[in-house]
Amino acid sequence: MTYTNQVLKDLNVYRARVMRMPSKTCYSYHQDYTRRLHIPLITNENCFFVIDDEVIRYPADGNYYVADTRKFHTFVNASWEERIHIVDCISDKWEMSPV
């Protein structure tokens, strides 16, 4: 967890959790108060975000990804397998930079 802990510290996240999404499920279409940092641990091509009508897939490749979940969005796990990822709330003071 050295890499993960360093990312959380560097980006000054204030809430982090491991989330498990069962197969064949999705979230409601909603907005969050802050952007979210995602570190996919187990995922596949049938797991994706829809943010402002754009489909976005984040692979479990060791990188982290910032999603602007202040926009309307949902997440879909349309596969037969569960998805596991770490999700963090990012302070509004943090400047987004490309990953």
Protein backbone atom coordinates (compact mmCIF):
# COMPACT_ATOMS: atom_id res chain seq x y z
CA MET A 1 0.00 0.00 0.00
CA THR A 2 3.02 2.32 -0.16
CA TYR A 3 2.04 3.73 -3.57
CA THR A 4 -1.60 4.15 -2.58
CA ASN A 5 -0.79 5.85 0.71
CA GLN A 6 1.64 8.24 -1.02
CA VAL A 7 -0.98 9.22 -3.63
CA LEU A 8 -3.53 9.87 -0.88
CA LYS A 9 -1.04 12.00 1.04
CA ASP A 10 0.20 13.94 -2.01
CA LEU A 11 -3.32 14.82 -3.16
CA ASN A 12 -4.56 15.64 0.33
CA VAL A 13 -7.68 13.50 0.12
CA TYR A 14 -9.93 13.64 3.12
CA ARG A 15 -11.96 10.46 2.82
CA ALA A 16 -10.87 7.19 1.23
CA ARG A 17 -12.63 3.85 1.07
CA VAL A 18 -12.47 0.56 -0.75
CA MET A 19 -15.64 0.01 -2.74
CA ARG A 20 -16.98 -3.23 -4.12
CA MET A 21 -19.57 -3.19 -6.87
CA PRO A 22 -21.35 -6.48 -7.54
CA SER A 23 -21.86 -7.72 -11.07
CA LYS A 24 -24.83 -6.48 -13.09
CA THR A 25 -25.40 -3.34 -10.98
CA CYS A 26 -25.30 0.43 -11.42
CA TYR A 27 -25.63 3.60 -9.38
CA SER A 28 -28.38 6.18 -9.76
CA TYR A 29 -27.68 9.19 -11.96
CA HIS A 30 -26.42 11.83 -9.51
CA GLN A 31 -23.91 14.56 -8.65
CA ASP A 32 -21.32 14.63 -5.85
CA TYR A 33 -20.03 17.67 -3.97
CA THR A 34 -16.38 17.04 -4.91
CA ARG A 35 -14.28 15.36 -7.55
CA ARG A 36 -13.31 11.77 -6.84
CA LEU A 37 -9.98 10.04 -7.21
CA HIS A 38 -10.26 6.41 -8.32
CA ILE A 39 -7.67 3.67 -8.07
CA PRO A 40 -9.14 0.61 -9.83
CA LEU A 41 -7.99 -2.67 -8.29
CA ILE A 42 -10.17 -5.24 -10.08
CA THR A 43 -12.16 -4.22 -13.15
CA ASN A 44 -12.78 -5.12 -16.78
CA GLU A 45 -13.98 -3.56 -20.06
CA ASN A 46 -17.64 -3.97 -19.04
CA CYS A 47 -17.26 -1.58 -16.09
CA PHE A 48 -17.59 2.12 -16.90
CA PHE A 49 -18.59 5.61 -15.83
CA VAL A 50 -21.06 7.74 -17.72
CA ILE A 51 -20.23 11.38 -16.97
CA ASP A 52 -22.23 14.02 -18.86
CA ASP A 53 -23.16 11.37 -21.46
CA GLU A 54 -19.51 10.37 -22.01
CA VAL A 55 -18.53 6.73 -21.39
CA ILE A 56 -15.21 6.46 -19.49
CA ARG A 57 -13.31 3.31 -18.55
CA TYR A 58 -10.50 3.31 -15.97
CA PRO A 59 -8.28 0.20 -16.18
CA ALA A 60 -6.67 -1.50 -13.19
CA ASP A 61 -3.18 -0.63 -14.42
CA GLY A 62 -1.64 0.82 -11.25
CA ASN A 63 -2.58 4.42 -12.07
CA TYR A 64 -5.07 6.70 -10.38
CA TYR A 65 -7.75 8.65 -12.22
CA VAL A 66 -9.66 11.81 -11.34
CA ALA A 67 -13.37 11.89 -12.20
CA ASP A 68 -15.28 15.15 -12.03
CA THR A 69 -18.25 13.66 -10.24
CA ARG A 70 -19.64 17.14 -9.59
CA LYS A 71 -21.17 16.59 -13.03
CA PHE A 72 -24.13 14.24 -13.41
CA HIS A 73 -22.82 10.68 -13.59
CA THR A 74 -23.41 7.03 -12.90
CA PHE A 75 -21.28 3.91 -12.80
CA VAL A 76 -22.21 0.62 -14.43
CA ASN A 77 -20.83 -2.85 -13.80
CA ALA A 78 -22.30 -4.73 -16.74
CA SER A 79 -20.01 -7.73 -16.28
CA TRP A 80 -20.40 -11.07 -14.52
CA GLU A 81 -17.60 -10.18 -12.08
CA GLU A 82 -17.39 -7.74 -9.19
CA ARG A 83 -15.42 -4.50 -9.45
CA ILE A 84 -13.19 -3.32 -6.60
CA HIS A 85 -11.57 0.09 -6.40
CA ILE A 86 -10.38 2.71 -3.97
CA VAL A 87 -12.32 5.99 -4.13
CA ASP A 88 -11.34 9.24 -2.45
CA CYS A 89 -12.87 12.68 -2.03
CA ILE A 90 -10.61 15.45 -3.29
CA SER A 91 -10.53 18.89 -1.72
CA ASP A 92 -11.80 21.62 -4.04
CA LYS A 93 -8.50 23.41 -3.47
CA TRP A 94 -6.61 20.68 -5.34
CA GLU A 95 -5.77 21.65 -8.93
CA MET A 96 -6.56 18.90 -11.42
CA SER A 97 -3.63 17.79 -13.53
CA PRO A 98 -3.45 15.15 -16.24
CA VAL A 99 -2.52 11.69 -15.04
